[in-house]
PDB file of N, CA and C in Angstrom:
ATOM      1  N   MET A   1       4.128 -10.877  -7.902  1.00  0.00           N
ATOM      2  CA  MET A   1       3.064 -11.587  -7.240  1.00  0.00           C
ATOM      3  C   MET A   1       2.419 -12.520  -8.252  1.00  0.00           C
ATOM      4  N   ALA A   2       2.093 -13.726  -7.790  1.00  0.00           N
ATOM      5  CA  ALA A   2       1.468 -14.698  -8.684  1.00  0.00           C
ATOM      6  C   ALA A   2       0.360 -15.439  -7.953  1.00  0.00           C
ATOM      7  N   ASP A   3      -0.654 -15.815  -8.691  1.00  0.00           N
ATOM      8  CA  ASP A   3      -1.724 -16.664  -8.179  1.00  0.00           C
ATOM      9  C   ASP A   3      -1.114 -18.040  -7.937  1.00  0.00           C
ATOM     10  N   SER A   4      -1.213 -18.545  -6.716  1.00  0.00           N
ATOM     11  CA  SER A   4      -0.551 -19.806  -6.379  1.00  0.00           C
ATOM     12  C   SER A   4      -1.132 -20.990  -7.148  1.00  0.00           C
ATOM     13  N   ARG A   5      -2.366 -20.879  -7.604  1.00  0.00           N
ATOM     14  CA  ARG A   5      -2.984 -21.979  -8.350  1.00  0.00           C
ATOM     15  C   ARG A   5      -2.530 -22.010  -9.799  1.00  0.00           C
ATOM     16  N   THR A   6      -2.447 -20.833 -10.419  1.00  0.00           N
ATOM     17  CA  THR A   6      -2.170 -20.774 -11.862  1.00  0.00           C
ATOM     18  C   THR A   6      -0.778 -20.270 -12.196  1.00  0.00           C
ATOM     19  N   GLN A   7      -0.084 -19.718 -11.205  1.00  0.00           N
ATOM     20  CA  GLN A   7       1.227 -19.090 -11.386  1.00  0.00           C
ATOM     21  C   GLN A   7       1.166 -17.875 -12.320  1.00  0.00           C
ATOM     22  N   GLN A   8      -0.019 -17.338 -12.559  1.00  0.00           N
ATOM     23  CA  GLN A   8      -0.185 -16.130 -13.367  1.00  0.00           C
ATOM     24  C   GLN A   8       0.135 -14.904 -12.510  1.00  0.00           C
ATOM     25  N   SER A   9       0.779 -13.925 -13.120  1.00  0.00           N
ATOM     26  CA  SER A   9       1.059 -12.671 -12.431  1.00  0.00           C
ATOM     27  C   SER A   9      -0.254 -11.963 -12.120  1.00  0.00           C
ATOM     28  N   ILE A  10      -0.395 -11.527 -10.863  1.00  0.00           N
ATOM     29  CA  ILE A  10      -1.609 -10.811 -10.491  1.00  0.00           C
ATOM     30  C   ILE A  10      -1.342  -9.331 -10.221  1.00  0.00           C
ATOM     31  N   GLY A  11      -0.079  -8.904 -10.259  1.00  0.00           N
ATOM     32  CA  GLY A  11       0.250  -7.513 -10.025  1.00  0.00           C
ATOM     33  C   GLY A  11       1.672  -7.352  -9.526  1.00  0.00           C
ATOM     34  N   ILE A  12       1.923  -6.221  -8.896  1.00  0.00           N
ATOM     35  CA  ILE A  12       3.237  -5.934  -8.347  1.00  0.00           C
ATOM     36  C   ILE A  12       3.083  -5.413  -6.920  1.00  0.00           C
ATOM     37  N   ALA A  13       4.112  -5.621  -6.105  1.00  0.00           N
ATOM     38  CA  ALA A  13       4.077  -5.145  -4.722  1.00  0.00           C
ATOM     39  C   ALA A  13       5.494  -5.020  -4.205  1.00  0.00           C
ATOM     40  N   GLY A  14       5.670  -4.143  -3.217  1.00  0.00           N
ATOM     41  CA  GLY A  14       6.982  -4.011  -2.617  1.00  0.00           C
ATOM     42  C   GLY A  14       7.028  -2.916  -1.576  1.00  0.00           C
ATOM     43  N   ILE A  15       8.195  -2.738  -1.030  1.00  0.00           N
ATOM     44  CA  ILE A  15       8.467  -1.664  -0.074  1.00  0.00           C
ATOM     45  C   ILE A  15       9.404  -0.698  -0.777  1.00  0.00           C
ATOM     46  N   ILE A  16       9.010   0.564  -0.844  1.00  0.00           N
ATOM     47  CA  ILE A  16       9.787   1.556  -1.580  1.00  0.00           C
ATOM     48  C   ILE A  16      10.049   2.777  -0.709  1.00  0.00           C
ATOM     49  N   LYS A  17      11.093   3.498  -1.057  1.00  0.00           N
ATOM     50  CA  LYS A  17      11.333   4.817  -0.460  1.00  0.00           C
ATOM     51  C   LYS A  17      10.544   5.814  -1.298  1.00  0.00           C
ATOM     52  N   THR A  18       9.779   6.639  -0.648  1.00  0.00           N
ATOM     53  CA  THR A  18       9.002   7.645  -1.358  1.00  0.00           C
ATOM     54  C   THR A  18       9.124   8.974  -0.627  1.00  0.00           C
ATOM     55  N   THR A  19       8.941  10.055  -1.337  1.00  0.00           N
ATOM     56  CA  THR A  19       8.998  11.389  -0.729  1.00  0.00           C
ATOM     57  C   THR A  19       7.611  12.008  -0.785  1.00  0.00           C
ATOM     58  N   ILE A  20       7.116  12.371   0.380  1.00  0.00           N
ATOM     59  CA  ILE A  20       5.826  13.050   0.482  1.00  0.00           C
ATOM     60  C   ILE A  20       6.053  14.304   1.299  1.00  0.00           C
ATOM     61  N   ASN A  21       5.675  15.444   0.740  1.00  0.00           N
ATOM     62  CA  ASN A  21       5.854  16.738   1.424  1.00  0.00           C
ATOM     63  C   ASN A  21       7.288  16.905   1.932  1.00  0.00           C
ATOM     64  N   SER A  22       8.252  16.589   1.096  1.00  0.00           N
ATOM     65  CA  SER A  22       9.680  16.739   1.371  1.00  0.00           C
ATOM     66  C   SER A  22      10.230  15.791   2.439  1.00  0.00           C
ATOM     67  N   THR A  23       9.453  14.787   2.816  1.00  0.00           N
ATOM     68  CA  THR A  23       9.904  13.811   3.806  1.00  0.00           C
ATOM     69  C   THR A  23      10.027  12.443   3.142  1.00  0.00           C
ATOM     70  N   ILE A  24      11.165  11.776   3.362  1.00  0.00           N
ATOM     71  CA  ILE A  24      11.374  10.438   2.809  1.00  0.00           C
ATOM     72  C   ILE A  24      10.749   9.415   3.751  1.00  0.00           C
ATOM     73  N   LEU A  25       9.892   8.567   3.193  1.00  0.00           N
ATOM     74  CA  LEU A  25       9.166   7.572   3.978  1.00  0.00           C
ATOM     75  C   LEU A  25       9.345   6.186   3.378  1.00  0.00           C
ATOM     76  N   ASP A  26       9.220   5.150   4.207  1.00  0.00           N
ATOM     77  CA  ASP A  26       9.175   3.769   3.742  1.00  0.00           C
ATOM     78  C   ASP A  26       7.715   3.436   3.468  1.00  0.00           C
ATOM     79  N   GLU A  27       7.430   3.131   2.219  1.00  0.00           N
ATOM     80  CA  GLU A  27       6.044   2.916   1.792  1.00  0.00           C
ATOM     81  C   GLU A  27       5.840   1.486   1.318  1.00  0.00           C
ATOM     82  N   ILE A  28       4.738   0.880   1.754  1.00  0.00           N
ATOM     83  CA  ILE A  28       4.327  -0.368   1.139  1.00  0.00           C
ATOM     84  C   ILE A  28       3.409   0.001  -0.015  1.00  0.00           C
ATOM     85  N   ALA A  29       3.644  -0.616  -1.148  1.00  0.00           N
ATOM     86  CA  ALA A  29       2.883  -0.269  -2.349  1.00  0.00           C
ATOM     87  C   ALA A  29       2.520  -1.540  -3.093  1.00  0.00           C
ATOM     88  N   TYR A  30       1.357  -1.532  -3.707  1.00  0.00           N
ATOM     89  CA  TYR A  30       0.913  -2.684  -4.475  1.00  0.00           C
ATOM     90  C   TYR A  30      -0.078  -2.244  -5.541  1.00  0.00           C
ATOM     91  N   ILE A  31      -0.079  -2.953  -6.636  1.00  0.00           N
ATOM     92  CA  ILE A  31      -1.068  -2.765  -7.692  1.00  0.00           C
ATOM     93  C   ILE A  31      -1.521  -4.159  -8.095  1.00  0.00           C
ATOM     94  N   ILE A  32      -2.811  -4.390  -8.019  1.00  0.00           N
ATOM     95  CA  ILE A  32      -3.375  -5.693  -8.365  1.00  0.00           C
ATOM     96  C   ILE A  32      -4.171  -5.543  -9.653  1.00  0.00           C
ATOM     97  N   LYS A  33      -3.932  -6.457 -10.589  1.00  0.00           N
ATOM     98  CA  LYS A  33      -4.678  -6.432 -11.848  1.00  0.00           C
ATOM     99  C   LYS A  33      -6.181  -6.507 -11.562  1.00  0.00           C
ATOM    100  N   LYS A  34      -6.942  -5.789 -12.380  1.00  0.00           N
ATOM    101  CA  LYS A  34      -8.383  -5.658 -12.170  1.00  0.00           C
ATOM    102  C   LYS A  34      -9.088  -7.003 -11.959  1.00  0.00           C
ATOM    103  N   GLU A  35      -8.740  -8.007 -12.768  1.00  0.00           N
ATOM    104  CA  GLU A  35      -9.443  -9.294 -12.679  1.00  0.00           C
ATOM    105  C   GLU A  35      -9.157 -10.052 -11.376  1.00  0.00           C
ATOM    106  N   TYR A  36      -8.162  -9.606 -10.611  1.00  0.00           N
ATOM    107  CA  TYR A  36      -7.832 -10.249  -9.340  1.00  0.00           C
ATOM    108  C   TYR A  36      -8.251  -9.416  -8.131  1.00  0.00           C
ATOM    109  N   GLN A  37      -8.814  -8.242  -8.362  1.00  0.00           N
ATOM    110  CA  GLN A  37      -9.246  -7.397  -7.254  1.00  0.00           C
ATOM    111  C   GLN A  37     -10.511  -7.975  -6.614  1.00  0.00           C
ATOM    112  N   GLY A  38     -10.642  -7.756  -5.315  1.00  0.00           N
ATOM    113  CA  GLY A  38     -11.818  -8.216  -4.590  1.00  0.00           C
ATOM    114  C   GLY A  38     -11.772  -9.683  -4.201  1.00  0.00           C
ATOM    115  N   LEU A  39     -10.631 -10.324  -4.359  1.00  0.00           N
ATOM    116  CA  LEU A  39     -10.505 -11.749  -4.052  1.00  0.00           C
ATOM    117  C   LEU A  39      -9.651 -12.012  -2.804  1.00  0.00           C
ATOM    118  N   GLY A  40      -9.315 -10.959  -2.072  1.00  0.00           N
ATOM    119  CA  GLY A  40      -8.538 -11.125  -0.844  1.00  0.00           C
ATOM    120  C   GLY A  40      -7.034 -11.021  -1.015  1.00  0.00           C
ATOM    121  N   TYR A  41      -6.574 -10.879  -2.255  1.00  0.00           N
ATOM    122  CA  TYR A  41      -5.128 -10.790  -2.471  1.00  0.00           C
ATOM    123  C   TYR A  41      -4.529  -9.539  -1.841  1.00  0.00           C
ATOM    124  N   GLY A  42      -5.237  -8.425  -1.903  1.00  0.00           N
ATOM    125  CA  GLY A  42      -4.719  -7.177  -1.342  1.00  0.00           C
ATOM    126  C   GLY A  42      -4.424  -7.302   0.137  1.00  0.00           C
ATOM    127  N   THR A  43      -5.361  -7.880   0.881  1.00  0.00           N
ATOM    128  CA  THR A  43      -5.171  -8.063   2.319  1.00  0.00           C
ATOM    129  C   THR A  43      -3.970  -8.955   2.591  1.00  0.00           C
ATOM    130  N   GLU A  44      -3.877 -10.041   1.858  1.00  0.00           N
ATOM    131  CA  GLU A  44      -2.765 -10.983   2.025  1.00  0.00           C
ATOM    132  C   GLU A  44      -1.422 -10.326   1.685  1.00  0.00           C
ATOM    133  N   ILE A  45      -1.394  -9.563   0.620  1.00  0.00           N
ATOM    134  CA  ILE A  45      -0.163  -8.892   0.196  1.00  0.00           C
ATOM    135  C   ILE A  45       0.291  -7.883   1.242  1.00  0.00           C
ATOM    136  N   VAL A  46      -0.634  -7.084   1.751  1.00  0.00           N
ATOM    137  CA  VAL A  46      -0.273  -6.093   2.761  1.00  0.00           C
ATOM    138  C   VAL A  46       0.224  -6.790   4.025  1.00  0.00           C
ATOM    139  N   GLN A  47      -0.405  -7.889   4.436  1.00  0.00           N
ATOM    140  CA  GLN A  47       0.070  -8.641   5.595  1.00  0.00           C
ATOM    141  C   GLN A  47       1.525  -9.052   5.412  1.00  0.00           C
ATOM    142  N   GLU A  48       1.843  -9.567   4.242  1.00  0.00           N
ATOM    143  CA  GLU A  48       3.210 -10.025   3.971  1.00  0.00           C
ATOM    144  C   GLU A  48       4.199  -8.863   3.917  1.00  0.00           C
ATOM    145  N   LEU A  49       3.778  -7.735   3.335  1.00  0.00           N
ATOM    146  CA  LEU A  49       4.658  -6.567   3.277  1.00  0.00           C
ATOM    147  C   LEU A  49       4.936  -6.013   4.672  1.00  0.00           C
ATOM    148  N   VAL A  50       3.930  -6.021   5.532  1.00  0.00           N
ATOM    149  CA  VAL A  50       4.109  -5.553   6.916  1.00  0.00           C
ATOM    150  C   VAL A  50       5.112  -6.460   7.635  1.00  0.00           C
ATOM    151  N   LYS A  51       4.940  -7.775   7.502  1.00  0.00           N
ATOM    152  CA  LYS A  51       5.888  -8.712   8.126  1.00  0.00           C
ATOM    153  C   LYS A  51       7.309  -8.472   7.622  1.00  0.00           C
ATOM    154  N   LEU A  52       7.447  -8.309   6.332  1.00  0.00           N
ATOM    155  CA  LEU A  52       8.751  -8.075   5.735  1.00  0.00           C
ATOM    156  C   LEU A  52       9.371  -6.779   6.268  1.00  0.00           C
ATOM    157  N   ALA A  53       8.586  -5.724   6.299  1.00  0.00           N
ATOM    158  CA  ALA A  53       9.076  -4.420   6.758  1.00  0.00           C
ATOM    159  C   ALA A  53       9.550  -4.470   8.204  1.00  0.00           C
ATOM    160  N   PHE A  54       8.782  -5.135   9.055  1.00  0.00           N
ATOM    161  CA  PHE A  54       9.092  -5.119  10.479  1.00  0.00           C
ATOM    162  C   PHE A  54      10.009  -6.258  10.918  1.00  0.00           C
ATOM    163  N   ASN A  55       9.788  -7.455  10.409  1.00  0.00           N
ATOM    164  CA  ASN A  55      10.553  -8.614  10.879  1.00  0.00           C
ATOM    165  C   ASN A  55      11.891  -8.782  10.169  1.00  0.00           C
ATOM    166  N   ARG A  56      11.941  -8.450   8.904  1.00  0.00           N
ATOM    167  CA  ARG A  56      13.189  -8.629   8.172  1.00  0.00           C
ATOM    168  C   ARG A  56      14.015  -7.349   8.099  1.00  0.00           C
ATOM    169  N   TYR A  57      13.347  -6.237   7.796  1.00  0.00           N
ATOM    170  CA  TYR A  57      14.073  -4.974   7.626  1.00  0.00           C
ATOM    171  C   TYR A  57      14.066  -4.105   8.878  1.00  0.00           C
ATOM    172  N   HIS A  58      13.308  -4.485   9.889  1.00  0.00           N
ATOM    173  CA  HIS A  58      13.270  -3.793  11.182  1.00  0.00           C
ATOM    174  C   HIS A  58      12.981  -2.299  11.039  1.00  0.00           C
ATOM    175  N   LEU A  59      12.070  -1.956  10.138  1.00  0.00           N
ATOM    176  CA  LEU A  59      11.693  -0.556   9.957  1.00  0.00           C
ATOM    177  C   LEU A  59      10.879  -0.093  11.161  1.00  0.00           C
ATOM    178  N   PRO A  60      11.055   1.151  11.589  1.00  0.00           N
ATOM    179  CA  PRO A  60      10.319   1.640  12.754  1.00  0.00           C
ATOM    180  C   PRO A  60       8.846   1.904  12.453  1.00  0.00           C
ATOM    181  N   GLN A  61       8.547   2.147  11.180  1.00  0.00           N
ATOM    182  CA  GLN A  61       7.172   2.426  10.764  1.00  0.00           C
ATOM    183  C   GLN A  61       7.083   2.286   9.251  1.00  0.00           C
ATOM    184  N   ILE A  62       5.868   2.093   8.783  1.00  0.00           N
ATOM    185  CA  ILE A  62       5.636   2.054   7.338  1.00  0.00           C
ATOM    186  C   ILE A  62       4.445   2.934   7.013  1.00  0.00           C
ATOM    187  N   PHE A  63       4.401   3.344   5.774  1.00  0.00           N
ATOM    188  CA  PHE A  63       3.319   4.183   5.284  1.00  0.00           C
ATOM    189  C   PHE A  63       2.722   3.548   4.037  1.00  0.00           C
ATOM    190  N   ALA A  64       1.513   3.941   3.728  1.00  0.00           N
ATOM    191  CA  ALA A  64       0.863   3.565   2.477  1.00  0.00           C
ATOM    192  C   ALA A  64      -0.002   4.747   2.068  1.00  0.00           C
ATOM    193  N   GLN A  65      -0.161   4.937   0.768  1.00  0.00           N
ATOM    194  CA  GLN A  65      -0.984   6.044   0.297  1.00  0.00           C
ATOM    195  C   GLN A  65      -1.899   5.562  -0.822  1.00  0.00           C
ATOM    196  N   PHE A  66      -3.014   6.270  -0.957  1.00  0.00           N
ATOM    197  CA  PHE A  66      -3.975   5.924  -2.005  1.00  0.00           C
ATOM    198  C   PHE A  66      -4.836   7.136  -2.312  1.00  0.00           C
ATOM    199  N   ALA A  67      -5.369   7.167  -3.524  1.00  0.00           N
ATOM    200  CA  ALA A  67      -6.292   8.230  -3.915  1.00  0.00           C
ATOM    201  C   ALA A  67      -7.549   8.106  -3.063  1.00  0.00           C
ATOM    202  N   ILE A  68      -8.085   9.224  -2.638  1.00  0.00           N
ATOM    203  CA  ILE A  68      -9.186   9.248  -1.672  1.00  0.00           C
ATOM    204  C   ILE A  68     -10.386   8.414  -2.119  1.00  0.00           C
ATOM    205  N   GLU A  69     -10.604   8.299  -3.419  1.00  0.00           N
ATOM    206  CA  GLU A  69     -11.761   7.530  -3.890  1.00  0.00           C
ATOM    207  C   GLU A  69     -11.522   6.013  -3.881  1.00  0.00           C
ATOM    208  N   ASN A  70     -10.309   5.574  -3.592  1.00  0.00           N
ATOM    209  CA  ASN A  70      -9.980   4.150  -3.596  1.00  0.00           C
ATOM    210  C   ASN A  70     -10.312   3.535  -2.227  1.00  0.00           C
ATOM    211  N   ARG A  71     -11.589   3.339  -1.986  1.00  0.00           N
ATOM    212  CA  ARG A  71     -12.054   2.829  -0.688  1.00  0.00           C
ATOM    213  C   ARG A  71     -11.611   1.385  -0.443  1.00  0.00           C
ATOM    214  N   ALA A  72     -11.403   0.610  -1.508  1.00  0.00           N
ATOM    215  CA  ALA A  72     -10.943  -0.777  -1.336  1.00  0.00           C
ATOM    216  C   ALA A  72      -9.568  -0.789  -0.672  1.00  0.00           C
ATOM    217  N   SER A  73      -8.654   0.072  -1.136  1.00  0.00           N
ATOM    218  CA  SER A  73      -7.334   0.146  -0.509  1.00  0.00           C
ATOM    219  C   SER A  73      -7.443   0.615   0.934  1.00  0.00           C
ATOM    220  N   GLN A  74      -8.330   1.543   1.191  1.00  0.00           N
ATOM    221  CA  GLN A  74      -8.519   2.021   2.558  1.00  0.00           C
ATOM    222  C   GLN A  74      -8.941   0.866   3.467  1.00  0.00           C
ATOM    223  N   ARG A  75      -9.897   0.045   3.036  1.00  0.00           N
ATOM    224  CA  ARG A  75     -10.354  -1.089   3.844  1.00  0.00           C
ATOM    225  C   ARG A  75      -9.222  -2.095   4.072  1.00  0.00           C
ATOM    226  N   ILE A  76      -8.442  -2.366   3.022  1.00  0.00           N
ATOM    227  CA  ILE A  76      -7.326  -3.306   3.132  1.00  0.00           C
ATOM    228  C   ILE A  76      -6.326  -2.828   4.174  1.00  0.00           C
ATOM    229  N   LEU A  77      -5.960  -1.555   4.095  1.00  0.00           N
ATOM    230  CA  LEU A  77      -4.971  -1.012   5.035  1.00  0.00           C
ATOM    231  C   LEU A  77      -5.503  -1.029   6.462  1.00  0.00           C
ATOM    232  N   GLU A  78      -6.756  -0.635   6.640  1.00  0.00           N
ATOM    233  CA  GLU A  78      -7.335  -0.620   7.978  1.00  0.00           C
ATOM    234  C   GLU A  78      -7.446  -2.032   8.551  1.00  0.00           C
ATOM    235  N   LYS A  79      -7.759  -3.029   7.715  1.00  0.00           N
ATOM    236  CA  LYS A  79      -7.790  -4.431   8.172  1.00  0.00           C
ATOM    237  C   LYS A  79      -6.440  -4.866   8.703  1.00  0.00           C
ATOM    238  N   ASN A  80      -5.388  -4.289   8.150  1.00  0.00           N
ATOM    239  CA  ASN A  80      -4.027  -4.653   8.534  1.00  0.00           C
ATOM    240  C   ASN A  80      -3.436  -3.728   9.596  1.00  0.00           C
ATOM    241  N   GLY A  81      -4.276  -2.907  10.215  1.00  0.00           N
ATOM    242  CA  GLY A  81      -3.841  -2.102  11.350  1.00  0.00           C
ATOM    243  C   GLY A  81      -3.291  -0.724  11.030  1.00  0.00           C
ATOM    244  N   LEU A  82      -3.208  -0.346   9.754  1.00  0.00           N
ATOM    245  CA  LEU A  82      -2.725   0.994   9.424  1.00  0.00           C
ATOM    246  C   LEU A  82      -3.822   2.008   9.725  1.00  0.00           C
ATOM    247  N   THR A  83      -3.409   3.186  10.149  1.00  0.00           N
ATOM    248  CA  THR A  83      -4.374   4.233  10.479  1.00  0.00           C
ATOM    249  C   THR A  83      -4.027   5.528   9.748  1.00  0.00           C
ATOM    250  N   TYR A  84      -5.048   6.360   9.592  1.00  0.00           N
ATOM    251  CA  TYR A  84      -4.906   7.635   8.889  1.00  0.00           C
ATOM    252  C   TYR A  84      -3.883   8.523   9.581  1.00  0.00           C
ATOM    253  N   GLU A  85      -2.996   9.100   8.770  1.00  0.00           N
ATOM    254  CA  GLU A  85      -1.978  10.014   9.292  1.00  0.00           C
ATOM    255  C   GLU A  85      -2.213  11.432   8.771  1.00  0.00           C
ATOM    256  N   PHE A  86      -2.353  11.598   7.451  1.00  0.00           N
ATOM    257  CA  PHE A  86      -2.602  12.911   6.860  1.00  0.00           C
ATOM    258  C   PHE A  86      -3.028  12.739   5.408  1.00  0.00           C
ATOM    259  N   SER A  87      -3.445  13.847   4.801  1.00  0.00           N
ATOM    260  CA  SER A  87      -3.770  13.836   3.373  1.00  0.00           C
ATOM    261  C   SER A  87      -2.954  14.923   2.681  1.00  0.00           C
ATOM    262  N   TYR A  88      -2.808  14.789   1.371  1.00  0.00           N
ATOM    263  CA  TYR A  88      -2.085  15.788   0.592  1.00  0.00           C
ATOM    264  C   TYR A  88      -2.517  15.690  -0.870  1.00  0.00           C
ATOM    265  N   GLN A  89      -2.185  16.714  -1.619  1.00  0.00           N
ATOM    266  CA  GLN A  89      -2.488  16.755  -3.043  1.00  0.00           C
ATOM    267  C   GLN A  89      -1.302  16.201  -3.816  1.00  0.00           C
ATOM    268  N   ARG A  90      -1.565  15.232  -4.684  1.00  0.00           N
ATOM    269  CA  ARG A  90      -0.511  14.594  -5.479  1.00  0.00           C
ATOM    270  C   ARG A  90      -0.898  14.623  -6.948  1.00  0.00           C
ATOM    271  N   LYS A  91       0.093  14.885  -7.774  1.00  0.00           N
ATOM    272  CA  LYS A  91      -0.153  14.871  -9.208  1.00  0.00           C
ATOM    273  C   LYS A  91      -0.276  13.422  -9.677  1.00  0.00           C
ATOM    274  N   GLN A  92      -1.395  13.107 -10.329  1.00  0.00           N
ATOM    275  CA  GLN A  92      -1.641  11.764 -10.842  1.00  0.00           C
ATOM    276  C   GLN A  92      -2.344  11.909 -12.189  1.00  0.00           C
ATOM    277  N   ASN A  93      -1.740  11.329 -13.205  1.00  0.00           N
ATOM    278  CA  ASN A  93      -2.279  11.430 -14.567  1.00  0.00           C
ATOM    279  C   ASN A  93      -2.501  12.883 -14.987  1.00  0.00           C
ATOM    280  N   GLY A  94      -1.561  13.737 -14.608  1.00  0.00           N
ATOM    281  CA  GLY A  94      -1.604  15.134 -15.009  1.00  0.00           C
ATOM    282  C   GLY A  94      -2.551  16.011 -14.211  1.00  0.00           C
ATOM    283  N   MET A  95      -3.193  15.457 -13.203  1.00  0.00           N
ATOM    284  CA  MET A  95      -4.141  16.220 -12.392  1.00  0.00           C
ATOM    285  C   MET A  95      -3.767  16.095 -10.916  1.00  0.00           C
ATOM    286  N   LEU A  96      -4.107  17.120 -10.140  1.00  0.00           N
ATOM    287  CA  LEU A  96      -3.916  17.036  -8.699  1.00  0.00           C
ATOM    288  C   LEU A  96      -5.069  16.247  -8.099  1.00  0.00           C
ATOM    289  N   LYS A  97      -4.722  15.244  -7.277  1.00  0.00           N
ATOM    290  CA  LYS A  97      -5.733  14.418  -6.615  1.00  0.00           C
ATOM    291  C   LYS A  97      -5.377  14.313  -5.147  1.00  0.00           C
ATOM    292  N   GLU A  98      -6.405  14.335  -4.324  1.00  0.00           N
ATOM    293  CA  GLU A  98      -6.169  14.159  -2.891  1.00  0.00           C
ATOM    294  C   GLU A  98      -5.836  12.704  -2.610  1.00  0.00           C
ATOM    295  N   HIS A  99      -4.765  12.490  -1.843  1.00  0.00           N
ATOM    296  CA  HIS A  99      -4.343  11.167  -1.416  1.00  0.00           C
ATOM    297  C   HIS A  99      -4.336  11.120   0.107  1.00  0.00           C
ATOM    298  N   LEU A 100      -4.733   9.977   0.639  1.00  0.00           N
ATOM    299  CA  LEU A 100      -4.672   9.747   2.071  1.00  0.00           C
ATOM    300  C   LEU A 100      -3.413   8.929   2.360  1.00  0.00           C
ATOM    301  N   VAL A 101      -2.752   9.260   3.445  1.00  0.00           N
ATOM    302  CA  VAL A 101      -1.544   8.551   3.867  1.00  0.00           C
ATOM    303  C   VAL A 101      -1.858   7.868   5.193  1.00  0.00           C
ATOM    304  N   TYR A 102      -1.598   6.557   5.229  1.00  0.00           N
ATOM    305  CA  TYR A 102      -1.803   5.750   6.417  1.00  0.00           C
ATOM    306  C   TYR A 102      -0.456   5.289   6.951  1.00  0.00           C
ATOM    307  N   GLN A 103      -0.422   4.995   8.251  1.00  0.00           N
ATOM    308  CA  GLN A 103       0.828   4.619   8.907  1.00  0.00           C
ATOM    309  C   GLN A 103       0.601   3.454   9.868  1.00  0.00           C
ATOM    310  N   LEU A 104       1.651   2.647  10.036  1.00  0.00           N
ATOM    311  CA  LEU A 104       1.668   1.612  11.061  1.00  0.00           C
ATOM    312  C   LEU A 104       3.048   1.627  11.690  1.00  0.00           C
ATOM    313  N   LYS A 105       3.105   1.712  13.018  1.00  0.00           N
ATOM    314  CA  LYS A 105       4.391   1.698  13.733  1.00  0.00           C
ATOM    315  C   LYS A 105       4.719   0.280  14.148  1.00  0.00           C
ATOM    316  N   ASN A 106       6.021   0.003  14.146  1.00  0.00           N
ATOM    317  CA  ASN A 106       6.512  -1.322  14.524  1.00  0.00           C
ATOM    318  C   ASN A 106       6.440  -1.473  16.040  1.00  0.00           C
TER     319      ASN A 106
END
């Protein structure tokens, strides 16, 4: 991902296969560099990933997950139509953290 004005990298994004609770899911994932957060890039990136997942790859559904305290990601996903599916404990930085999983059906 790059800022269209400066061509500087602003983070990474993609559609990945992930396993949650022994189930393989198609996940949209993104990480935006701190200095670019809060500028609308997250919403735009998720919109593009949803289009790619459904229009190009014809996936029946997509998932996204985030640590429960990451309210910015929650707002971004909800703006793009994803809704809460379930929560689970995930190891992150050596500690168990609650993560919320959101879903959008094609």
